[in-house]
PDB file of N, CA and C in Angstrom:
ATOM      1  N   MET A   1     -63.589  60.498 -58.484  1.00  0.00           N
ATOM      2  CA  MET A   1     -63.316  59.852 -56.989  1.00  0.00           C
ATOM      3  C   MET A   1     -63.843  58.864 -56.588  1.00  0.00           C
ATOM      4  N   GLU A   2     -63.643  58.587 -55.704  1.00  0.00           N
ATOM      5  CA  GLU A   2     -63.526  57.851 -54.661  1.00  0.00           C
ATOM      6  C   GLU A   2     -64.499  58.236 -53.623  1.00  0.00           C
ATOM      7  N   LEU A   3     -66.012  58.495 -53.640  1.00  0.00           N
ATOM      8  CA  LEU A   3     -66.664  58.576 -52.229  1.00  0.00           C
ATOM      9  C   LEU A   3     -66.196  58.376 -50.719  1.00  0.00           C
ATOM     10  N   GLU A   4     -66.177  57.094 -51.146  1.00  0.00           N
ATOM     11  CA  GLU A   4     -65.598  55.720 -49.867  1.00  0.00           C
ATOM     12  C   GLU A   4     -65.141  56.286 -48.073  1.00  0.00           C
ATOM     13  N   LYS A   5     -64.203  57.381 -48.966  1.00  0.00           N
ATOM     14  CA  LYS A   5     -63.051  57.946 -48.581  1.00  0.00           C
ATOM     15  C   LYS A   5     -63.444  59.408 -47.912  1.00  0.00           C
ATOM     16  N   PHE A   6     -64.479  59.659 -47.981  1.00  0.00           N
ATOM     17  CA  PHE A   6     -65.226  60.757 -46.843  1.00  0.00           C
ATOM     18  C   PHE A   6     -66.557  60.063 -45.553  1.00  0.00           C
ATOM     19  N   PRO A   7     -66.560  61.513 -45.030  1.00  0.00           N
ATOM     20  CA  PRO A   7     -67.366  60.218 -43.930  1.00  0.00           C
ATOM     21  C   PRO A   7     -68.749  60.712 -44.498  1.00  0.00           C
ATOM     22  N   SER A   8     -70.246  59.585 -43.699  1.00  0.00           N
ATOM     23  CA  SER A   8     -71.798  59.006 -44.090  1.00  0.00           C
ATOM     24  C   SER A   8     -72.006  60.072 -44.681  1.00  0.00           C
ATOM     25  N   HIS A   9     -71.666  61.666 -43.572  1.00  0.00           N
ATOM     26  CA  HIS A   9     -72.631  63.069 -43.603  1.00  0.00           C
ATOM     27  C   HIS A   9     -72.449  63.598 -44.381  1.00  0.00           C
ATOM     28  N   ILE A  10     -71.393  63.320 -44.924  1.00  0.00           N
ATOM     29  CA  ILE A  10     -70.867  64.555 -45.644  1.00  0.00           C
ATOM     30  C   ILE A  10     -71.095  64.051 -46.873  1.00  0.00           C
ATOM     31  N   ILE A  11     -71.610  62.109 -47.055  1.00  0.00           N
ATOM     32  CA  ILE A  11     -71.884  61.921 -48.708  1.00  0.00           C
ATOM     33  C   ILE A  11     -73.325  61.970 -48.850  1.00  0.00           C
ATOM     34  N   GLU A  12     -74.234  61.554 -47.931  1.00  0.00           N
ATOM     35  CA  GLU A  12     -75.832  61.976 -47.304  1.00  0.00           C
ATOM     36  C   GLU A  12     -75.522  63.666 -48.247  1.00  0.00           C
ATOM     37  N   LYS A  13     -74.891  64.878 -47.570  1.00  0.00           N
ATOM     38  CA  LYS A  13     -74.942  66.293 -48.160  1.00  0.00           C
ATOM     39  C   LYS A  13     -74.983  66.215 -49.221  1.00  0.00           C
ATOM     40  N   ILE A  14     -74.058  65.868 -49.826  1.00  0.00           N
ATOM     41  CA  ILE A  14     -73.460  65.779 -51.699  1.00  0.00           C
ATOM     42  C   ILE A  14     -74.519  65.042 -52.085  1.00  0.00           C
ATOM     43  N   LYS A  15     -75.326  63.816 -51.651  1.00  0.00           N
ATOM     44  CA  LYS A  15     -75.859  62.938 -52.508  1.00  0.00           C
ATOM     45  C   LYS A  15     -77.305  64.947 -52.605  1.00  0.00           C
ATOM     46  N   THR A  16     -77.883  65.069 -50.987  1.00  0.00           N
ATOM     47  CA  THR A  16     -79.138  65.593 -50.990  1.00  0.00           C
ATOM     48  C   THR A  16     -78.413  67.286 -52.002  1.00  0.00           C
ATOM     49  N   THR A  17     -77.474  67.103 -52.032  1.00  0.00           N
ATOM     50  CA  THR A  17     -77.283  69.005 -52.850  1.00  0.00           C
ATOM     51  C   THR A  17     -76.960  68.228 -53.995  1.00  0.00           C
ATOM     52  N   TRP A  18     -77.029  67.220 -54.825  1.00  0.00           N
ATOM     53  CA  TRP A  18     -77.028  67.008 -55.831  1.00  0.00           C
ATOM     54  C   TRP A  18     -78.269  66.531 -56.395  1.00  0.00           C
ATOM     55  N   GLU A  19     -79.252  66.105 -55.779  1.00  0.00           N
ATOM     56  CA  GLU A  19     -80.684  65.853 -55.809  1.00  0.00           C
ATOM     57  C   GLU A  19     -81.587  67.402 -56.427  1.00  0.00           C
ATOM     58  N   THR A  20     -81.069  68.336 -55.033  1.00  0.00           N
ATOM     59  CA  THR A  20     -82.158  69.895 -55.342  1.00  0.00           C
ATOM     60  C   THR A  20     -81.501  69.900 -56.877  1.00  0.00           C
ATOM     61  N   TRP A  21     -79.953  70.120 -56.551  1.00  0.00           N
ATOM     62  CA  TRP A  21     -79.843  70.292 -58.184  1.00  0.00           C
ATOM     63  C   TRP A  21     -80.164  70.725 -59.552  1.00  0.00           C
ATOM     64  N   ASN A  22     -80.138  68.869 -59.764  1.00  0.00           N
ATOM     65  CA  ASN A  22     -80.924  67.924 -60.901  1.00  0.00           C
ATOM     66  C   ASN A  22     -82.316  67.897 -60.485  1.00  0.00           C
ATOM     67  N   SER A  23     -83.608  68.500 -59.695  1.00  0.00           N
ATOM     68  CA  SER A  23     -84.612  68.526 -60.038  1.00  0.00           C
ATOM     69  C   SER A  23     -85.471  69.274 -60.501  1.00  0.00           C
ATOM     70  N   PRO A  24     -86.042  69.449 -61.068  1.00  0.00           N
ATOM     71  CA  PRO A  24     -86.582  70.664 -61.747  1.00  0.00           C
ATOM     72  C   PRO A  24     -87.261  71.780 -60.895  1.00  0.00           C
ATOM     73  N   PRO A  25     -87.513  72.798 -61.409  1.00  0.00           N
ATOM     74  CA  PRO A  25     -87.764  73.696 -60.211  1.00  0.00           C
ATOM     75  C   PRO A  25     -88.459  73.921 -59.658  1.00  0.00           C
ATOM     76  N   ARG A  26     -88.699  74.108 -59.111  1.00  0.00           N
ATOM     77  CA  ARG A  26     -89.704  73.989 -57.468  1.00  0.00           C
ATOM     78  C   ARG A  26     -91.262  74.964 -57.831  1.00  0.00           C
ATOM     79  N   LEU A  27     -92.255  75.382 -56.640  1.00  0.00           N
ATOM     80  CA  LEU A  27     -93.021  76.169 -56.481  1.00  0.00           C
ATOM     81  C   LEU A  27     -92.201  78.127 -56.102  1.00  0.00           C
ATOM     82  N   SER A  28     -91.725  77.429 -55.391  1.00  0.00           N
ATOM     83  CA  SER A  28     -90.928  79.032 -55.836  1.00  0.00           C
ATOM     84  C   SER A  28     -90.379  79.559 -56.831  1.00  0.00           C
ATOM     85  N   SER A  29     -89.663  78.802 -57.539  1.00  0.00           N
ATOM     86  CA  SER A  29     -89.462  79.247 -59.153  1.00  0.00           C
ATOM     87  C   SER A  29     -90.799  80.277 -59.568  1.00  0.00           C
ATOM     88  N   ASP A  30     -91.547  79.285 -60.655  1.00  0.00           N
ATOM     89  CA  ASP A  30     -92.319  79.763 -60.442  1.00  0.00           C
ATOM     90  C   ASP A  30     -93.406  80.307 -59.870  1.00  0.00           C
ATOM     91  N   SER A  31     -93.635  80.931 -58.947  1.00  0.00           N
ATOM     92  CA  SER A  31     -94.273  82.056 -58.317  1.00  0.00           C
ATOM     93  C   SER A  31     -93.407  83.590 -58.644  1.00  0.00           C
ATOM     94  N   LEU A  32     -92.691  83.210 -58.271  1.00  0.00           N
ATOM     95  CA  LEU A  32     -90.896  84.482 -58.660  1.00  0.00           C
ATOM     96  C   LEU A  32     -91.729  85.021 -60.676  1.00  0.00           C
ATOM     97  N   HIS A  33     -91.128  83.921 -60.395  1.00  0.00           N
ATOM     98  CA  HIS A  33     -91.902  83.856 -61.839  1.00  0.00           C
ATOM     99  C   HIS A  33     -93.148  85.082 -62.614  1.00  0.00           C
ATOM    100  N   LEU A  34     -94.320  84.025 -61.548  1.00  0.00           N
ATOM    101  CA  LEU A  34     -95.668  85.406 -61.377  1.00  0.00           C
ATOM    102  C   LEU A  34     -95.393  86.700 -61.354  1.00  0.00           C
ATOM    103  N   ASP A  35     -94.384  86.812 -60.046  1.00  0.00           N
ATOM    104  CA  ASP A  35     -93.965  87.393 -59.906  1.00  0.00           C
ATOM    105  C   ASP A  35     -93.618  88.946 -60.462  1.00  0.00           C
ATOM    106  N   GLU A  36     -93.207  87.891 -61.807  1.00  0.00           N
ATOM    107  CA  GLU A  36     -91.755  89.940 -63.268  1.00  0.00           C
ATOM    108  C   GLU A  36     -93.054  89.333 -63.775  1.00  0.00           C
ATOM    109  N   ILE A  37     -93.853  88.623 -63.924  1.00  0.00           N
ATOM    110  CA  ILE A  37     -95.266  88.760 -65.007  1.00  0.00           C
ATOM    111  C   ILE A  37     -96.187  89.202 -65.018  1.00  0.00           C
ATOM    112  N   GLU A  38     -96.529  89.970 -63.127  1.00  0.00           N
ATOM    113  CA  GLU A  38     -97.349  90.128 -62.938  1.00  0.00           C
ATOM    114  C   GLU A  38     -97.019  91.941 -62.436  1.00  0.00           C
ATOM    115  N   GLU A  39     -95.596  92.668 -63.390  1.00  0.00           N
ATOM    116  CA  GLU A  39     -94.466  93.997 -62.659  1.00  0.00           C
ATOM    117  C   GLU A  39     -94.971  94.047 -63.902  1.00  0.00           C
ATOM    118  N   MET A  40     -94.686  93.359 -64.897  1.00  0.00           N
ATOM    119  CA  MET A  40     -94.653  93.783 -65.842  1.00  0.00           C
ATOM    120  C   MET A  40     -95.033  93.928 -66.809  1.00  0.00           C
ATOM    121  N   ASN A  41     -96.615  94.042 -66.114  1.00  0.00           N
ATOM    122  CA  ASN A  41     -98.323  93.902 -66.551  1.00  0.00           C
ATOM    123  C   ASN A  41     -99.079  95.400 -65.680  1.00  0.00           C
ATOM    124  N   LEU A  42     -98.136  95.104 -64.773  1.00  0.00           N
ATOM    125  CA  LEU A  42     -99.068  96.700 -63.551  1.00  0.00           C
ATOM    126  C   LEU A  42     -97.917  97.803 -64.711  1.00  0.00           C
ATOM    127  N   ASN A  43     -96.428  97.865 -64.529  1.00  0.00           N
ATOM    128  CA  ASN A  43     -96.109  99.191 -65.389  1.00  0.00           C
ATOM    129  C   ASN A  43     -95.789  99.296 -66.897  1.00  0.00           C
ATOM    130  N   THR A  44     -97.078  98.345 -67.570  1.00  0.00           N
ATOM    131  CA  THR A  44     -97.778  97.646 -69.502  1.00  0.00           C
ATOM    132  C   THR A  44     -98.841  99.176 -68.444  1.00  0.00           C
ATOM    133  N   MET A  45     -99.913  99.209 -67.504  1.00  0.00           N
ATOM    134  CA  MET A  45    -100.262  99.361 -67.518  1.00  0.00           C
ATOM    135  C   MET A  45    -100.313 100.751 -67.310  1.00  0.00           C
ATOM    136  N   GLN A  46     -99.791 100.824 -66.475  1.00  0.00           N
ATOM    137  CA  GLN A  46     -99.528 102.721 -65.988  1.00  0.00           C
ATOM    138  C   GLN A  46     -99.127 103.767 -67.245  1.00  0.00           C
ATOM    139  N   GLU A  47     -98.257 102.461 -68.630  1.00  0.00           N
ATOM    140  CA  GLU A  47     -98.057 103.405 -69.745  1.00  0.00           C
ATOM    141  C   GLU A  47     -98.734 103.245 -70.285  1.00  0.00           C
ATOM    142  N   GLY A  48    -100.551 102.573 -70.217  1.00  0.00           N
ATOM    143  CA  GLY A  48    -101.091 102.993 -71.525  1.00  0.00           C
ATOM    144  C   GLY A  48    -101.318 103.959 -70.682  1.00  0.00           C
TER     145      GLY A  48
END
C-alpha cells in the first residue's frame, strides 16, 4: 500500500496509532493488574 496517496494528517494519525499499539504497556495496564491482584487478595482474606 502506498501511503503517499493519503493526506499527511491521515498518515500522521496512522503512524501515531501504530506506535501506540507497538509500544510496551504503560502505567494504566500495570495499575489495572495491581487492582486485580488487590481484589484477589481481598477475596482470599474474606474467605479465610
